[in-house]
Protein backbone atom coordinates (compact mmCIF):
# COMPACT_ATOMS: atom_id res chain seq x y z
CA UNK A 1 -25.25 8.15 4.03
CA UNK A 2 -22.93 11.11 4.59
CA UNK A 3 -19.65 10.62 2.79
CA UNK A 4 -16.59 10.78 4.93
CA UNK A 5 -14.41 13.94 4.43
CA UNK A 6 -11.02 13.24 3.07
CA UNK A 7 -7.90 15.35 3.36
CA UNK A 8 -5.31 16.15 0.79
CA UNK A 9 -1.98 18.02 0.38
CA UNK A 10 -1.44 20.14 -2.66
CA UNK A 11 1.92 21.62 -3.49
CA UNK A 12 1.64 24.55 -5.82
CA UNK A 13 5.33 24.49 -6.87
CA UNK A 14 7.72 25.26 -9.66
CA UNK A 15 9.32 22.64 -11.79
CA UNK A 16 12.88 22.27 -10.44
CA UNK A 17 14.34 22.84 -13.90
CA UNK A 18 12.53 26.09 -14.49
CA UNK A 19 14.21 29.52 -13.75
CA UNK A 20 11.80 32.29 -12.78
CA UNK A 21 14.28 35.08 -13.22
CA UNK A 22 12.52 38.45 -12.78
CA UNK A 23 9.32 37.56 -14.70
CA UNK A 24 6.49 38.58 -12.26
CA UNK A 25 3.77 36.86 -14.43
CA UNK A 26 5.71 33.61 -14.35
CA UNK A 27 6.34 33.90 -10.63
CA UNK A 28 2.63 34.55 -10.00
CA UNK A 29 1.71 31.50 -12.07
CA UNK A 30 3.42 29.18 -9.64
CA UNK A 31 2.98 31.21 -6.44
CA UNK A 32 0.73 29.63 -3.81
CA UNK A 33 -0.39 32.88 -2.19
CA UNK A 34 -1.16 34.50 -5.56
CA UNK A 35 -3.16 31.57 -6.79
CA UNK A 36 -5.10 30.79 -3.53
CA UNK A 37 -5.69 34.31 -2.15
CA UNK A 38 -5.87 36.58 -5.30
CA UNK A 39 -7.05 34.21 -7.95
CA UNK A 40 -9.06 32.03 -5.59
CA UNK A 41 -7.99 28.93 -7.44
CA UNK A 42 -6.04 25.73 -6.69
CA UNK A 43 -4.03 24.56 -9.79
CA UNK A 44 -1.90 21.67 -10.95
CA UNK A 45 0.23 21.94 -13.98
CA UNK A 46 1.74 18.77 -15.58
CA UNK A 47 2.37 20.37 -18.99
CA UNK A 48 0.04 22.08 -21.43
CA UNK A 49 -2.61 19.40 -21.78
CA UNK A 50 -6.29 19.84 -20.86
CA UNK A 51 -7.77 17.88 -18.03
CA UNK A 52 -9.63 15.55 -20.32
CA UNK A 53 -6.36 14.35 -21.84
CA UNK A 54 -5.11 12.96 -18.51
CA UNK A 55 -8.32 11.03 -17.76
CA UNK A 56 -8.63 9.65 -21.31
CA UNK A 57 -4.99 8.52 -21.24
CA UNK A 58 -5.57 6.67 -17.94
CA UNK A 59 -8.86 5.20 -19.16
CA UNK A 60 -7.34 3.95 -22.35
CA UNK A 61 -4.02 2.89 -20.72
CA UNK A 62 -2.06 5.14 -23.02
CA UNK A 63 1.08 7.12 -22.23
CA UNK A 64 0.64 10.96 -22.24
CA UNK A 65 3.79 12.90 -23.11
CA UNK A 66 6.74 12.18 -20.84
CA UNK A 67 4.58 11.62 -17.74
CA UNK A 68 5.10 8.39 -15.87
CA UNK A 69 2.23 6.33 -14.31
CA UNK A 70 2.65 7.97 -10.87
CA UNK A 71 2.40 11.47 -12.33
CA UNK A 72 -0.62 10.57 -14.43
CA UNK A 73 -2.37 9.06 -11.45
CA UNK A 74 -1.67 12.16 -9.33
CA UNK A 75 -3.10 14.35 -12.04
CA UNK A 76 -6.22 12.25 -12.47
CA UNK A 77 -6.83 12.04 -8.69
CA UNK A 78 -6.90 15.96 -8.60
CA UNK A 79 -9.02 16.15 -11.74
CA UNK A 80 -11.60 13.66 -10.34
CA UNK A 81 -11.73 15.29 -6.94
CA UNK A 82 -15.11 17.07 -7.46
CA UNK A 83 -16.68 13.82 -8.77
CA UNK A 84 -15.22 11.60 -6.00
CA UNK A 85 -15.20 13.87 -2.94
CA UNK A 86 -16.28 17.49 -3.50
CA UNK A 87 -16.27 18.13 0.29
CA UNK A 88 -12.60 17.29 0.67
CA UNK A 89 -10.32 19.51 2.67
CA UNK A 90 -7.07 20.57 0.91
CA UNK A 91 -3.92 21.97 2.64
CA UNK A 92 -1.19 23.84 0.94
CA UNK A 93 1.93 24.72 2.88
CA UNK A 94 4.02 27.69 1.71
CA UNK A 95 7.25 29.04 3.17
CA UNK A 96 5.41 31.58 5.39
CA UNK A 97 1.75 30.55 5.46
CA UNK A 98 -0.57 27.54 5.20
CA UNK A 99 -3.99 27.50 3.62
CA UNK A 100 -6.89 25.00 4.21
CA UNK A 101 -9.58 25.18 1.64
CA UNK A 102 -12.39 23.31 -0.28
CA UNK A 103 -13.14 23.32 -4.02
CA UNK A 104 -16.17 24.89 -5.68
CA UNK A 105 -17.46 23.49 -8.86
CA UNK A 106 -15.89 21.34 -11.64
CA UNK A 107 -12.34 21.36 -12.74
CA UNK A 108 -11.38 23.97 -15.30
CA UNK A 109 -8.62 24.36 -17.93
CA UNK A 110 -6.65 27.50 -17.99
CA UNK A 111 -5.02 28.95 -21.07
CA UNK A 112 -1.52 27.99 -22.19
CA UNK A 113 1.05 30.32 -20.53
CA UNK A 114 4.54 30.89 -21.74
CA UNK A 115 4.03 28.33 -24.58
CA UNK A 116 4.24 25.22 -22.27
CA UNK A 117 2.18 25.71 -19.06
CA UNK A 118 -1.57 25.17 -18.60
CA UNK A 119 -3.24 25.32 -15.23
CA UNK A 120 -5.87 22.67 -14.50
CA UNK A 121 -7.59 24.27 -11.58
CA UNK A 122 -10.56 24.47 -9.19
CA UNK A 123 -12.19 27.61 -7.82
CA UNK A 124 -11.88 27.48 -4.15
CA UNK A 125 -13.19 28.70 -0.83
CA UNK A 126 -10.52 29.32 1.77
CA UNK A 127 -11.64 27.94 5.17
CA UNK A 128 -8.56 29.05 7.08
CA UNK A 129 -5.15 30.58 6.54
CA UNK A 130 -2.44 31.07 9.14
CA UNK A 131 1.14 32.06 9.49
CA UNK A 132 3.38 29.03 9.59
CA UNK A 133 4.60 29.69 13.13
CA UNK A 134 0.91 29.81 14.49
CA UNK A 135 -0.01 26.35 13.44
CA UNK A 136 0.58 22.97 15.25
CA UNK A 137 4.22 21.98 14.79
CA UNK A 138 3.21 18.74 13.00
CA UNK A 139 1.63 20.82 10.25
CA UNK A 140 4.35 23.38 10.13
CA UNK A 141 6.89 20.66 9.41
CA UNK A 142 4.68 18.46 7.19
CA UNK A 143 6.74 19.22 4.05
CA UNK A 144 9.84 17.78 5.67
CA UNK A 145 8.12 14.42 5.00
CA UNK A 146 9.15 13.23 1.66
CA UNK A 147 5.71 11.69 0.99
CA UNK A 148 4.37 15.25 0.85
CA UNK A 149 7.30 17.25 -0.40
CA UNK A 150 7.89 15.11 -3.41
CA UNK A 151 4.33 14.79 -4.69
CA UNK A 152 2.08 17.44 -6.21
CA UNK A 153 -1.14 16.07 -4.93
CA UNK A 154 -1.53 13.37 -2.32
CA UNK A 155 -4.21 12.06 -0.04
CA UNK A 156 -3.42 12.23 3.65
CA UNK A 157 -3.89 8.69 4.78
CA UNK A 158 -5.73 8.78 8.17
CA UNK A 159 -4.04 5.60 9.39
CA UNK A 160 -0.59 6.80 8.73
CA UNK A 161 -1.09 10.49 9.34
CA UNK A 162 -3.86 10.81 11.90
CA UNK A 163 -2.05 13.53 13.77
CA UNK A 164 -1.78 15.73 10.61
CA UNK A 165 -5.53 15.33 10.11
CA UNK A 166 -6.25 16.08 13.76
CA UNK A 167 -4.21 19.23 13.51
CA UNK A 168 -6.12 20.32 10.33
CA UNK A 169 -9.35 19.55 12.00
CA UNK A 170 -8.34 21.52 15.03
CA UNK A 171 -7.43 24.63 12.95
CA UNK A 172 -10.81 24.67 11.11
CA UNK A 173 -12.93 23.73 14.11
CA UNK A 174 -13.88 20.26 12.91
CA UNK A 175 -12.42 18.02 15.58
CA UNK A 176 -15.91 17.19 16.89
CA UNK A 177 -15.63 13.63 18.31
CA UNK A 178 -12.33 12.81 16.66
CA UNK A 179 -9.93 11.38 19.28
CA UNK A 180 -6.21 10.77 19.30
CA UNK A 181 -3.55 9.60 21.69
CA UNK A 182 -1.60 12.79 22.60
CA UNK A 183 1.73 11.04 22.14
CA UNK A 184 0.71 10.37 18.51
CA UNK A 185 -0.07 14.01 17.99
CA UNK A 186 3.66 14.87 18.14
CA UNK A 187 5.74 15.11 14.93
CA UNK A 188 8.65 12.65 14.61
CA UNK A 189 11.03 15.50 15.47
CA UNK A 190 9.01 16.37 18.64
CA UNK A 191 9.01 12.71 19.71
CA UNK A 192 12.75 12.53 19.33
CA UNK A 193 13.13 15.72 21.24
CA UNK A 194 10.93 14.29 24.03
CA UNK A 195 13.04 11.16 24.28
CA UNK A 196 16.21 13.21 24.34
CA UNK A 197 14.79 15.32 27.17
CA UNK A 198 13.95 12.10 29.15
CA UNK A 199 17.43 10.82 28.90
CA UNK A 200 18.94 14.20 29.75
CA UNK A 201 16.84 14.33 32.97
CA UNK A 202 18.24 10.89 33.76
CA UNK A 203 21.79 12.37 33.71
CA UNK A 204 22.67 11.25 30.11
CA UNK A 205 24.77 13.34 27.74
CA UNK A 206 23.10 13.77 24.35
CA UNK A 207 25.56 15.29 21.77
CA UNK A 208 22.78 15.63 19.27
CA UNK A 209 19.59 14.02 18.02
CA UNK A 210 18.12 13.65 14.56
CA UNK A 211 20.79 11.09 13.63
CA UNK A 212 20.47 11.82 9.90
CA UNK A 213 23.44 10.03 8.37
CA UNK A 214 23.88 7.64 11.26
CA UNK A 215 22.22 4.45 10.02
CA UNK A 216 19.53 3.04 12.36
CA UNK A 217 20.27 5.56 15.07
CA UNK A 218 18.38 8.69 16.02
CA UNK A 219 19.91 9.46 19.45
CA UNK A 220 23.10 8.47 21.20
CA UNK A 221 22.93 8.77 25.01
CA UNK A 222 25.98 8.47 27.32
CA UNK A 223 25.33 8.32 31.03
CA UNK A 224 27.64 10.40 33.09
CA UNK A 225 27.21 8.20 36.23
CA UNK A 226 25.38 4.96 36.90
CA UNK A 227 22.21 4.44 34.97
CA UNK A 228 19.14 4.87 37.20
CA UNK A 229 17.95 1.48 38.28
CA UNK A 230 14.17 2.23 37.52
CA UNK A 231 14.87 3.41 33.98
CA UNK A 232 15.26 -0.01 32.25
CA UNK A 233 14.52 -3.62 33.12
CA UNK A 234 17.32 -4.83 30.93
CA UNK A 235 20.92 -4.65 32.14
CA UNK A 236 23.17 -2.20 30.19
CA UNK A 237 26.76 -3.01 29.24
CA UNK A 238 28.83 0.16 29.89
CA UNK A 239 27.18 3.54 29.83
CA UNK A 240 26.38 4.46 26.18
CA UNK A 241 23.22 3.35 24.42
CA UNK A 242 21.96 3.73 20.83
CA UNK A 243 18.29 4.63 20.24
CA UNK A 244 15.90 4.47 17.36
CA UNK A 245 12.62 6.43 17.80
CA UNK A 246 9.43 5.95 15.85
CA UNK A 247 5.86 7.20 16.21
CA UNK A 248 4.63 3.90 15.06
CA UNK A 249 5.91 0.83 13.14
CA UNK A 250 4.34 0.25 9.73
CA UNK A 251 4.76 -1.89 6.63
CA UNK A 252 7.69 0.25 5.46
CA UNK A 253 9.81 -0.76 8.45
CA UNK A 254 12.14 -3.70 8.02
CA UNK A 255 11.12 -5.89 10.98
CA UNK A 256 13.94 -8.37 10.35
CA UNK A 257 16.49 -5.54 10.59
CA UNK A 258 14.94 -4.35 13.81
CA UNK A 259 15.24 -7.84 15.17
CA UNK A 260 18.95 -7.79 14.32
CA UNK A 261 19.31 -4.43 15.98
CA UNK A 262 17.42 -5.43 19.12
CA UNK A 263 19.90 -8.38 19.57
CA UNK A 264 22.78 -5.96 19.70
CA UNK A 265 23.98 -4.86 23.20
CA UNK A 266 22.80 -1.33 24.29
CA UNK A 267 20.43 -0.75 21.26
CA UNK A 268 16.93 0.50 22.15
CA UNK A 269 13.78 0.90 20.00
CA UNK A 270 11.32 3.37 21.41
CA UNK A 271 7.81 3.91 19.78
CA UNK A 272 4.68 5.85 20.73
CA UNK A 273 2.45 2.80 20.16
CA UNK A 274 0.37 1.24 22.87
CA UNK A 275 1.62 -2.33 22.45
CA UNK A 276 4.40 -4.30 20.78
CA UNK A 277 4.67 -5.30 17.15
CA UNK A 278 3.64 -8.97 17.01
CA UNK A 279 7.03 -10.09 15.68
CA UNK A 280 9.00 -8.05 18.31
CA UNK A 281 7.16 -9.06 21.52
CA UNK A 282 10.09 -10.93 22.98
CA UNK A 283 11.90 -7.63 23.33
CA UNK A 284 9.00 -5.62 24.63
CA UNK A 285 9.73 -3.71 27.91
CA UNK A 286 13.30 -4.89 27.77
CA UNK A 287 15.05 -2.80 24.98
CA UNK A 288 11.85 -2.22 23.06
CA UNK A 289 9.86 0.46 24.86
CA UNK A 290 6.43 1.83 23.96
CA UNK A 291 3.88 4.49 25.18
CA UNK A 292 3.60 3.05 28.67
CA UNK A 293 7.25 3.65 29.41
CA UNK A 294 7.24 7.11 27.73
CA UNK A 295 4.14 8.25 29.74
CA UNK A 296 5.74 7.01 32.95
CA UNK A 297 8.76 9.18 32.25
CA UNK A 298 6.55 12.21 31.31
CA UNK A 299 4.62 11.97 34.54
CA UNK A 300 7.66 11.51 36.72
CA UNK A 301 9.08 14.97 35.79
CA UNK A 302 7.24 18.29 35.95
CA UNK A 303 9.56 19.97 33.47
CA UNK A 304 9.07 17.31 30.82
CA UNK A 305 5.29 17.13 31.55
CA UNK A 306 5.03 20.97 31.13
CA UNK A 307 6.98 20.77 27.85
CA UNK A 308 4.68 18.04 26.57
CA UNK A 309 1.56 19.88 27.51
CA UNK A 310 2.74 22.98 25.65
CA UNK A 311 3.46 20.86 22.53
CA UNK A 312 -0.18 19.50 22.62
CA UNK A 313 -2.06 22.61 23.68
CA UNK A 314 -3.76 22.70 20.31
CA UNK A 315 -5.53 19.44 21.06
CA UNK A 316 -8.52 19.91 23.34
CA UNK A 317 -8.71 17.63 26.41
CA UNK A 318 -12.01 16.04 25.18
CA UNK A 319 -10.17 14.92 21.94
CA UNK A 320 -7.39 13.12 23.77
CA UNK A 321 -7.39 9.37 24.16
CA UNK A 322 -6.21 8.63 27.63
């Protein structure tokens, strides 16, 4: 049986407390381009221990230095990669480029550098590298997701991040029969932009989106005139609405909190999912809108449809779930 290929994100990064100054050797030690392109290696650091020290500590349930359980697990997942999934694809995202590559051979220990750093690394084969501006937006902005920016090494969960995996597959020519709903191939920022465009086309003023510090709100829309009758089934009080936008609802979302919000006047939840969450069905197609409503809005406006097509041009038609 052929083992399913898994996908991982590796950050080759500097400890936040370390100052590089003008030391070129030290800069190169932590530089993604230098490691991946010149040295042809993918490293982690986690102190000056050898890779066996991490796996032994985990096996024997012992503490290793100052590392917490999460850090030890990350290191061990990287160290065991050749044993567990040697055909895995790894992505590293730098400030100007991205690299997609696979490992070659067993994990190796580097020498101790500057008295406290030791690389644990794999020799690699680069499959693809691109300028950051030339890749699908969902990959270019992947490190804005704290799940990937905060961790050194992390598996890309296909259920949660299927669009990221689709974009990686697309870049390296491995989409094959992989299919995804085009709406779900948008990043969260792109989906919010799409929703803002829909409301602007319906004569709403959007002062900004990406709510940020506005709790539970991504977009505020204020209609200049009467709200178009065919836009919502629910009646709106006044002309201003608050909107929360999500690609999909998952276990991290507080459904009880969403219920409270959906009971508030003029609050809307809009997701790219096909159907309603089982606990929120009473609000569906009222002030809880999903992909059916979004697609109706896309198809009703050439300008928005053209924008959407440009966003998903990287995804071949045969790989789109319609």
